[in-house]
Amino acid sequence: MEVICLEDEAFYQLIEKVVSRIKEKEGIKEDKWLSTDEAMDKLKIKSKTTLQKLRDEGKIRFSQPERKIILYDRDSINDYLEKHSKDTF
């Protein structure tokens, strides 16, 4: 029997990849709106303040259905990431 050890971050990234591939095969469409934690994970940021800054500057779309619930538009986050991507040489 072989034991494989992974760091926490590598383990969670592996789980995310597995889940996304299963969703692709099953044809499950992702939710349009992301929670704060999901948005931070997608943007690879650790600070809620940075997320709020992006929201306040109008760089990413959001919805606030209740006072303490803020949801972020998946497409606008993808657009933001694409807009800030750099081409290779």
PDB file of N, CA and C in Angstrom:
ATOM      1  N   MET A   1       0.847  -1.184   0.000  1.00  0.00           N
ATOM      2  CA  MET A   1       0.000   0.000   0.000  1.00  0.00           C
ATOM      3  C   MET A   1       0.886   1.239   0.000  1.00  0.00           C
ATOM      4  N   GLU A   2       0.538   2.196  -0.849  1.00  0.00           N
ATOM      5  CA  GLU A   2       1.319   3.416  -0.965  1.00  0.00           C
ATOM      6  C   GLU A   2       0.522   4.583  -0.386  1.00  0.00           C
ATOM      7  N   VAL A   3       1.168   5.392   0.453  1.00  0.00           N
ATOM      8  CA  VAL A   3       0.517   6.546   1.076  1.00  0.00           C
ATOM      9  C   VAL A   3       1.023   7.807   0.391  1.00  0.00           C
ATOM     10  N   ILE A   4       0.092   8.662  -0.011  1.00  0.00           N
ATOM     11  CA  ILE A   4       0.443   9.920  -0.664  1.00  0.00           C
ATOM     12  C   ILE A   4       0.055  11.058   0.263  1.00  0.00           C
ATOM     13  N   CYS A   5       0.993  11.951   0.533  1.00  0.00           N
ATOM     14  CA  CYS A   5       0.731  13.106   1.404  1.00  0.00           C
ATOM     15  C   CYS A   5       0.640  14.367   0.550  1.00  0.00           C
ATOM     16  N   LEU A   6      -0.343  15.194   0.860  1.00  0.00           N
ATOM     17  CA  LEU A   6      -0.525  16.467   0.157  1.00  0.00           C
ATOM     18  C   LEU A   6      -0.669  17.585   1.175  1.00  0.00           C
ATOM     19  N   GLU A   7      -0.181  18.763   0.817  1.00  0.00           N
ATOM     20  CA  GLU A   7      -0.434  19.926   1.658  1.00  0.00           C
ATOM     21  C   GLU A   7      -1.898  20.307   1.509  1.00  0.00           C
ATOM     22  N   ASP A   8      -2.421  21.045   2.487  1.00  0.00           N
ATOM     23  CA  ASP A   8      -3.836  21.424   2.482  1.00  0.00           C
ATOM     24  C   ASP A   8      -4.245  22.088   1.173  1.00  0.00           C
ATOM     25  N   GLU A   9      -3.480  23.088   0.753  1.00  0.00           N
ATOM     26  CA  GLU A   9      -3.844  23.850  -0.447  1.00  0.00           C
ATOM     27  C   GLU A   9      -3.868  22.950  -1.682  1.00  0.00           C
ATOM     28  N   ALA A  10      -2.871  22.095  -1.817  1.00  0.00           N
ATOM     29  CA  ALA A  10      -2.820  21.183  -2.966  1.00  0.00           C
ATOM     30  C   ALA A  10      -4.009  20.227  -2.946  1.00  0.00           C
ATOM     31  N   PHE A  11      -4.378  19.764  -1.761  1.00  0.00           N
ATOM     32  CA  PHE A  11      -5.523  18.860  -1.624  1.00  0.00           C
ATOM     33  C   PHE A  11      -6.804  19.542  -2.079  1.00  0.00           C
ATOM     34  N   TYR A  12      -7.030  20.779  -1.600  1.00  0.00           N
ATOM     35  CA  TYR A  12      -8.258  21.489  -1.958  1.00  0.00           C
ATOM     36  C   TYR A  12      -8.296  21.844  -3.445  1.00  0.00           C
ATOM     37  N   GLN A  13      -7.152  22.158  -4.029  1.00  0.00           N
ATOM     38  CA  GLN A  13      -7.109  22.424  -5.468  1.00  0.00           C
ATOM     39  C   GLN A  13      -7.452  21.163  -6.251  1.00  0.00           C
ATOM     40  N   LEU A  14      -6.960  20.031  -5.787  1.00  0.00           N
ATOM     41  CA  LEU A  14      -7.272  18.759  -6.435  1.00  0.00           C
ATOM     42  C   LEU A  14      -8.767  18.472  -6.359  1.00  0.00           C
ATOM     43  N   ILE A  15      -9.361  18.704  -5.201  1.00  0.00           N
ATOM     44  CA  ILE A  15     -10.800  18.488  -5.025  1.00  0.00           C
ATOM     45  C   ILE A  15     -11.588  19.394  -5.969  1.00  0.00           C
ATOM     46  N   GLU A  16     -11.181  20.674  -6.068  1.00  0.00           N
ATOM     47  CA  GLU A  16     -11.866  21.610  -6.971  1.00  0.00           C
ATOM     48  C   GLU A  16     -11.807  21.120  -8.412  1.00  0.00           C
ATOM     49  N   LYS A  17     -10.650  20.632  -8.841  1.00  0.00           N
ATOM     50  CA  LYS A  17     -10.504  20.133 -10.208  1.00  0.00           C
ATOM     51  C   LYS A  17     -11.400  18.920 -10.450  1.00  0.00           C
ATOM     52  N   VAL A  18     -11.438  18.023  -9.480  1.00  0.00           N
ATOM     53  CA  VAL A  18     -12.274  16.825  -9.616  1.00  0.00           C
ATOM     54  C   VAL A  18     -13.741  17.215  -9.720  1.00  0.00           C
ATOM     55  N   VAL A  19     -14.184  18.115  -8.848  1.00  0.00           N
ATOM     56  CA  VAL A  19     -15.584  18.548  -8.863  1.00  0.00           C
ATOM     57  C   VAL A  19     -15.918  19.231 -10.181  1.00  0.00           C
ATOM     58  N   SER A  20     -15.033  20.101 -10.670  1.00  0.00           N
ATOM     59  CA  SER A  20     -15.323  20.807 -11.925  1.00  0.00           C
ATOM     60  C   SER A  20     -15.378  19.830 -13.103  1.00  0.00           C
ATOM     61  N   ARG A  21     -14.528  18.819 -13.114  1.00  0.00           N
ATOM     62  CA  ARG A  21     -14.572  17.833 -14.204  1.00  0.00           C
ATOM     63  C   ARG A  21     -15.832  16.992 -14.143  1.00  0.00           C
ATOM     64  N   ILE A  22     -16.261  16.657 -12.937  1.00  0.00           N
ATOM     65  CA  ILE A  22     -17.519  15.909 -12.796  1.00  0.00           C
ATOM     66  C   ILE A  22     -18.681  16.757 -13.289  1.00  0.00           C
ATOM     67  N   LYS A  23     -18.679  18.041 -12.941  1.00  0.00           N
ATOM     68  CA  LYS A  23     -19.748  18.938 -13.396  1.00  0.00           C
ATOM     69  C   LYS A  23     -19.756  19.046 -14.914  1.00  0.00           C
ATOM     70  N   GLU A  24     -18.564  19.121 -15.511  1.00  0.00           N
ATOM     71  CA  GLU A  24     -18.477  19.191 -16.975  1.00  0.00           C
ATOM     72  C   GLU A  24     -19.077  17.947 -17.616  1.00  0.00           C
ATOM     73  N   LYS A  25     -18.741  16.785 -17.089  1.00  0.00           N
ATOM     74  CA  LYS A  25     -19.248  15.535 -17.655  1.00  0.00           C
ATOM     75  C   LYS A  25     -20.745  15.393 -17.462  1.00  0.00           C
ATOM     76  N   GLU A  26     -21.240  15.845 -16.339  1.00  0.00           N
ATOM     77  CA  GLU A  26     -22.665  15.730 -16.037  1.00  0.00           C
ATOM     78  C   GLU A  26     -23.471  16.867 -16.664  1.00  0.00           C
ATOM     79  N   GLY A  27     -22.780  17.861 -17.190  1.00  0.00           N
ATOM     80  CA  GLY A  27     -23.471  18.988 -17.806  1.00  0.00           C
ATOM     81  C   GLY A  27     -24.129  19.907 -16.794  1.00  0.00           C
ATOM     82  N   ILE A  28     -23.604  19.923 -15.580  1.00  0.00           N
ATOM     83  CA  ILE A  28     -24.162  20.787 -14.537  1.00  0.00           C
ATOM     84  C   ILE A  28     -23.641  22.200 -14.746  1.00  0.00           C
ATOM     85  N   LYS A  29     -24.560  23.129 -14.835  1.00  0.00           N
ATOM     86  CA  LYS A  29     -24.183  24.521 -15.027  1.00  0.00           C
ATOM     87  C   LYS A  29     -23.852  25.145 -13.676  1.00  0.00           C
ATOM     88  N   GLU A  30     -22.779  25.926 -13.643  1.00  0.00           N
ATOM     89  CA  GLU A  30     -22.380  26.583 -12.407  1.00  0.00           C
ATOM     90  C   GLU A  30     -23.335  27.724 -12.096  1.00  0.00           C
ATOM     91  N   ASP A  31     -23.469  28.024 -10.807  1.00  0.00           N
ATOM     92  CA  ASP A  31     -24.308  29.142 -10.393  1.00  0.00           C
ATOM     93  C   ASP A  31     -23.751  30.443 -10.947  1.00  0.00           C
ATOM     94  N   LYS A  32     -24.644  31.351 -11.294  1.00  0.00           N
ATOM     95  CA  LYS A  32     -24.230  32.661 -11.793  1.00  0.00           C
ATOM     96  C   LYS A  32     -23.608  33.495 -10.681  1.00  0.00           C
ATOM     97  N   TRP A  33     -24.088  33.310  -9.463  1.00  0.00           N
ATOM     98  CA  TRP A  33     -23.657  34.136  -8.337  1.00  0.00           C
ATOM     99  C   TRP A  33     -22.777  33.350  -7.380  1.00  0.00           C
ATOM    100  N   LEU A  34     -21.693  33.990  -6.935  1.00  0.00           N
ATOM    101  CA  LEU A  34     -20.741  33.379  -6.016  1.00  0.00           C
ATOM    102  C   LEU A  34     -20.831  34.033  -4.647  1.00  0.00           C
ATOM    103  N   SER A  35     -20.582  33.253  -3.612  1.00  0.00           N
ATOM    104  CA  SER A  35     -20.500  33.810  -2.262  1.00  0.00           C
ATOM    105  C   SER A  35     -19.181  34.582  -2.139  1.00  0.00           C
ATOM    106  N   THR A  36     -19.030  35.281  -1.036  1.00  0.00           N
ATOM    107  CA  THR A  36     -17.801  36.035  -0.796  1.00  0.00           C
ATOM    108  C   THR A  36     -16.587  35.117  -0.823  1.00  0.00           C
ATOM    109  N   ASP A  37     -16.664  33.989  -0.130  1.00  0.00           N
ATOM    110  CA  ASP A  37     -15.528  33.061  -0.082  1.00  0.00           C
ATOM    111  C   ASP A  37     -15.212  32.479  -1.456  1.00  0.00           C
ATOM    112  N   GLU A  38     -16.243  32.134  -2.219  1.00  0.00           N
ATOM    113  CA  GLU A  38     -16.028  31.593  -3.562  1.00  0.00           C
ATOM    114  C   GLU A  38     -15.388  32.639  -4.471  1.00  0.00           C
ATOM    115  N   ALA A  39     -15.842  33.895  -4.359  1.00  0.00           N
ATOM    116  CA  ALA A  39     -15.272  34.974  -5.172  1.00  0.00           C
ATOM    117  C   ALA A  39     -13.807  35.195  -4.812  1.00  0.00           C
ATOM    118  N   MET A  40     -13.502  35.180  -3.513  1.00  0.00           N
ATOM    119  CA  MET A  40     -12.117  35.360  -3.082  1.00  0.00           C
ATOM    120  C   MET A  40     -11.238  34.213  -3.578  1.00  0.00           C
ATOM    121  N   ASP A  41     -11.749  32.992  -3.541  1.00  0.00           N
ATOM    122  CA  ASP A  41     -10.995  31.844  -4.052  1.00  0.00           C
ATOM    123  C   ASP A  41     -10.735  31.988  -5.546  1.00  0.00           C
ATOM    124  N   LYS A  42     -11.752  32.375  -6.292  1.00  0.00           N
ATOM    125  CA  LYS A  42     -11.618  32.507  -7.748  1.00  0.00           C
ATOM    126  C   LYS A  42     -10.606  33.597  -8.112  1.00  0.00           C
ATOM    127  N   LEU A  43     -10.615  34.693  -7.343  1.00  0.00           N
ATOM    128  CA  LEU A  43      -9.695  35.800  -7.593  1.00  0.00           C
ATOM    129  C   LEU A  43      -8.322  35.579  -6.964  1.00  0.00           C
ATOM    130  N   LYS A  44      -8.189  34.512  -6.174  1.00  0.00           N
ATOM    131  CA  LYS A  44      -6.930  34.204  -5.469  1.00  0.00           C
ATOM    132  C   LYS A  44      -6.514  35.357  -4.555  1.00  0.00           C
ATOM    133  N   ILE A  45      -7.484  35.910  -3.824  1.00  0.00           N
ATOM    134  CA  ILE A  45      -7.186  36.955  -2.853  1.00  0.00           C
ATOM    135  C   ILE A  45      -7.576  36.456  -1.471  1.00  0.00           C
ATOM    136  N   LYS A  46      -6.923  36.992  -0.452  1.00  0.00           N
ATOM    137  CA  LYS A  46      -7.165  36.557   0.923  1.00  0.00           C
ATOM    138  C   LYS A  46      -7.953  37.590   1.722  1.00  0.00           C
ATOM    139  N   SER A  47      -8.014  38.819   1.238  1.00  0.00           N
ATOM    140  CA  SER A  47      -8.585  39.915   2.008  1.00  0.00           C
ATOM    141  C   SER A  47      -9.984  40.292   1.524  1.00  0.00           C
ATOM    142  N   LYS A  48     -10.917  40.365   2.469  1.00  0.00           N
ATOM    143  CA  LYS A  48     -12.267  40.826   2.128  1.00  0.00           C
ATOM    144  C   LYS A  48     -12.234  42.303   1.747  1.00  0.00           C
ATOM    145  N   THR A  49     -11.247  43.027   2.290  1.00  0.00           N
ATOM    146  CA  THR A  49     -11.105  44.446   1.964  1.00  0.00           C
ATOM    147  C   THR A  49     -10.773  44.632   0.485  1.00  0.00           C
ATOM    148  N   THR A  50      -9.915  43.780  -0.044  1.00  0.00           N
ATOM    149  CA  THR A  50      -9.572  43.849  -1.466  1.00  0.00           C
ATOM    150  C   THR A  50     -10.799  43.559  -2.321  1.00  0.00           C
ATOM    151  N   LEU A  51     -11.587  42.578  -1.906  1.00  0.00           N
ATOM    152  CA  LEU A  51     -12.816  42.251  -2.628  1.00  0.00           C
ATOM    153  C   LEU A  51     -13.784  43.430  -2.592  1.00  0.00           C
ATOM    154  N   GLN A  52     -13.901  44.069  -1.436  1.00  0.00           N
ATOM    155  CA  GLN A  52     -14.777  45.234  -1.305  1.00  0.00           C
ATOM    156  C   GLN A  52     -14.286  46.379  -2.192  1.00  0.00           C
ATOM    157  N   LYS A  53     -12.964  46.556  -2.272  1.00  0.00           N
ATOM    158  CA  LYS A  53     -12.397  47.608  -3.120  1.00  0.00           C
ATOM    159  C   LYS A  53     -12.760  47.368  -4.586  1.00  0.00           C
ATOM    160  N   LEU A  54     -12.634  46.124  -5.045  1.00  0.00           N
ATOM    161  CA  LEU A  54     -13.005  45.798  -6.429  1.00  0.00           C
ATOM    162  C   LEU A  54     -14.488  46.079  -6.666  1.00  0.00           C
ATOM    163  N   ARG A  55     -15.295  45.769  -5.674  1.00  0.00           N
ATOM    164  CA  ARG A  55     -16.743  46.004  -5.761  1.00  0.00           C
ATOM    165  C   ARG A  55     -17.035  47.506  -5.784  1.00  0.00           C
ATOM    166  N   ASP A  56     -16.420  48.257  -4.867  1.00  0.00           N
ATOM    167  CA  ASP A  56     -16.668  49.698  -4.761  1.00  0.00           C
ATOM    168  C   ASP A  56     -16.202  50.463  -5.997  1.00  0.00           C
ATOM    169  N   GLU A  57     -15.126  49.984  -6.628  1.00  0.00           N
ATOM    170  CA  GLU A  57     -14.597  50.641  -7.829  1.00  0.00           C
ATOM    171  C   GLU A  57     -15.350  50.227  -9.092  1.00  0.00           C
ATOM    172  N   GLY A  58     -16.322  49.330  -8.941  1.00  0.00           N
ATOM    173  CA  GLY A  58     -17.122  48.904 -10.084  1.00  0.00           C
ATOM    174  C   GLY A  58     -16.403  47.938 -11.007  1.00  0.00           C
ATOM    175  N   LYS A  59     -15.367  47.289 -10.512  1.00  0.00           N
ATOM    176  CA  LYS A  59     -14.603  46.372 -11.353  1.00  0.00           C
ATOM    177  C   LYS A  59     -15.259  45.003 -11.456  1.00  0.00           C
ATOM    178  N   ILE A  60     -16.060  44.636 -10.450  1.00  0.00           N
ATOM    179  CA  ILE A  60     -16.826  43.391 -10.510  1.00  0.00           C
ATOM    180  C   ILE A  60     -18.261  43.678 -10.089  1.00  0.00           C
ATOM    181  N   ARG A  61     -19.199  42.991 -10.739  1.00  0.00           N
ATOM    182  CA  ARG A  61     -20.626  43.166 -10.435  1.00  0.00           C
ATOM    183  C   ARG A  61     -20.991  42.379  -9.190  1.00  0.00           C
ATOM    184  N   PHE A  62     -21.972  42.889  -8.472  1.00  0.00           N
ATOM    185  CA  PHE A  62     -22.444  42.183  -7.288  1.00  0.00           C
ATOM    186  C   PHE A  62     -23.929  42.420  -7.098  1.00  0.00           C
ATOM    187  N   SER A  63     -24.522  41.598  -6.259  1.00  0.00           N
ATOM    188  CA  SER A  63     -25.927  41.732  -5.890  1.00  0.00           C
ATOM    189  C   SER A  63     -25.997  41.631  -4.375  1.00  0.00           C
ATOM    190  N   GLN A  64     -26.882  42.424  -3.781  1.00  0.00           N
ATOM    191  CA  GLN A  64     -27.037  42.393  -2.333  1.00  0.00           C
ATOM    192  C   GLN A  64     -28.507  42.137  -2.004  1.00  0.00           C
ATOM    193  N   PRO A  65     -28.928  40.856  -2.018  1.00  0.00           N
ATOM    194  CA  PRO A  65     -30.333  40.539  -1.785  1.00  0.00           C
ATOM    195  C   PRO A  65     -30.793  40.837  -0.358  1.00  0.00           C
ATOM    196  N   GLU A  66     -29.870  40.789   0.593  1.00  0.00           N
ATOM    197  CA  GLU A  66     -30.166  41.137   1.978  1.00  0.00           C
ATOM    198  C   GLU A  66     -29.018  41.972   2.516  1.00  0.00           C
ATOM    199  N   ARG A  67     -29.247  42.601   3.642  1.00  0.00           N
ATOM    200  CA  ARG A  67     -28.266  43.537   4.186  1.00  0.00           C
ATOM    201  C   ARG A  67     -26.876  42.921   4.334  1.00  0.00           C
ATOM    202  N   LYS A  68     -26.800  41.711   4.861  1.00  0.00           N
ATOM    203  CA  LYS A  68     -25.497  41.103   5.129  1.00  0.00           C
ATOM    204  C   LYS A  68     -25.088  40.048   4.103  1.00  0.00           C
ATOM    205  N   ILE A  69     -25.855  39.902   3.053  1.00  0.00           N
ATOM    206  CA  ILE A  69     -25.527  38.911   2.017  1.00  0.00           C
ATOM    207  C   ILE A  69     -25.138  39.639   0.740  1.00  0.00           C
ATOM    208  N   ILE A  70     -23.908  39.395   0.302  1.00  0.00           N
ATOM    209  CA  ILE A  70     -23.430  39.976  -0.949  1.00  0.00           C
ATOM    210  C   ILE A  70     -22.992  38.823  -1.842  1.00  0.00           C
ATOM    211  N   LEU A  71     -23.507  38.806  -3.057  1.00  0.00           N
ATOM    212  CA  LEU A  71     -23.160  37.778  -4.035  1.00  0.00           C
ATOM    213  C   LEU A  71     -22.447  38.438  -5.210  1.00  0.00           C
ATOM    214  N   TYR A  72     -21.512  37.715  -5.805  1.00  0.00           N
ATOM    215  CA  TYR A  72     -20.691  38.269  -6.875  1.00  0.00           C
ATOM    216  C   TYR A  72     -20.957  37.531  -8.178  1.00  0.00           C
ATOM    217  N   ASP A  73     -21.018  38.285  -9.268  1.00  0.00           N
ATOM    218  CA  ASP A  73     -21.305  37.740 -10.589  1.00  0.00           C
ATOM    219  C   ASP A  73     -20.086  36.987 -11.131  1.00  0.00           C
ATOM    220  N   ARG A  74     -20.263  35.694 -11.375  1.00  0.00           N
ATOM    221  CA  ARG A  74     -19.174  34.837 -11.860  1.00  0.00           C
ATOM    222  C   ARG A  74     -18.597  35.370 -13.175  1.00  0.00           C
ATOM    223  N   ASP A  75     -19.459  35.794 -14.098  1.00  0.00           N
ATOM    224  CA  ASP A  75     -18.996  36.273 -15.405  1.00  0.00           C
ATOM    225  C   ASP A  75     -18.163  37.544 -15.280  1.00  0.00           C
ATOM    226  N   SER A  76     -18.556  38.448 -14.381  1.00  0.00           N
ATOM    227  CA  SER A  76     -17.789  39.688 -14.243  1.00  0.00           C
ATOM    228  C   SER A  76     -16.423  39.415 -13.616  1.00  0.00           C
ATOM    229  N   ILE A  77     -16.343  38.419 -12.741  1.00  0.00           N
ATOM    230  CA  ILE A  77     -15.043  38.043 -12.169  1.00  0.00           C
ATOM    231  C   ILE A  77     -14.166  37.436 -13.259  1.00  0.00           C
ATOM    232  N   ASN A  78     -14.745  36.565 -14.095  1.00  0.00           N
ATOM    233  CA  ASN A  78     -13.982  35.995 -15.212  1.00  0.00           C
ATOM    234  C   ASN A  78     -13.520  37.086 -16.168  1.00  0.00           C
ATOM    235  N   ASP A  79     -14.397  38.056 -16.467  1.00  0.00           N
ATOM    236  CA  ASP A  79     -14.030  39.173 -17.343  1.00  0.00           C
ATOM    237  C   ASP A  79     -12.894  39.991 -16.736  1.00  0.00           C
ATOM    238  N   TYR A  80     -12.973  40.242 -15.431  1.00  0.00           N
ATOM    239  CA  TYR A  80     -11.929  40.999 -14.732  1.00  0.00           C
ATOM    240  C   TYR A  80     -10.584  40.275 -14.844  1.00  0.00           C
ATOM    241  N   LEU A  81     -10.596  38.963 -14.626  1.00  0.00           N
ATOM    242  CA  LEU A  81      -9.360  38.191 -14.721  1.00  0.00           C
ATOM    243  C   LEU A  81      -8.814  38.195 -16.147  1.00  0.00           C
ATOM    244  N   GLU A  82      -9.691  38.052 -17.136  1.00  0.00           N
ATOM    245  CA  GLU A  82      -9.259  38.082 -18.541  1.00  0.00           C
ATOM    246  C   GLU A  82      -8.683  39.448 -18.912  1.00  0.00           C
ATOM    247  N   LYS A  83      -9.324  40.506 -18.438  1.00  0.00           N
ATOM    248  CA  LYS A  83      -8.878  41.864 -18.745  1.00  0.00           C
ATOM    249  C   LYS A  83      -7.474  42.124 -18.196  1.00  0.00           C
ATOM    250  N   HIS A  84      -7.135  41.480 -17.098  1.00  0.00           N
ATOM    251  CA  HIS A  84      -5.840  41.704 -16.467  1.00  0.00           C
ATOM    252  C   HIS A  84      -4.825  40.596 -16.770  1.00  0.00           C
ATOM    253  N   SER A  85      -5.152  39.731 -17.721  1.00  0.00           N
ATOM    254  CA  SER A  85      -4.196  38.686 -18.094  1.00  0.00           C
ATOM    255  C   SER A  85      -3.170  39.256 -19.069  1.00  0.00           C
ATOM    256  N   LYS A  86      -1.997  38.691 -19.047  1.00  0.00           N
ATOM    257  CA  LYS A  86      -0.906  39.143 -19.915  1.00  0.00           C
ATOM    258  C   LYS A  86      -0.607  38.060 -20.935  1.00  0.00           C
ATOM    259  N   ASP A  87      -0.378  38.465 -22.180  1.00  0.00           N
ATOM    260  CA  ASP A  87      -0.008  37.522 -23.229  1.00  0.00           C
ATOM    261  C   ASP A  87       1.456  37.122 -23.073  1.00  0.00           C
ATOM    262  N   THR A  88       1.760  35.905 -23.495  1.00  0.00           N
ATOM    263  CA  THR A  88       3.149  35.453 -23.448  1.00  0.00           C
ATOM    264  C   THR A  88       3.911  36.040 -24.625  1.00  0.00           C
ATOM    265  N   PHE A  89       5.208  36.047 -24.511  1.00  0.00           N
ATOM    266  CA  PHE A  89       6.045  36.630 -25.564  1.00  0.00           C
ATOM    267  C   PHE A  89       6.278  35.671 -26.684  1.00  0.00           C
TER     268      PHE A  89
END
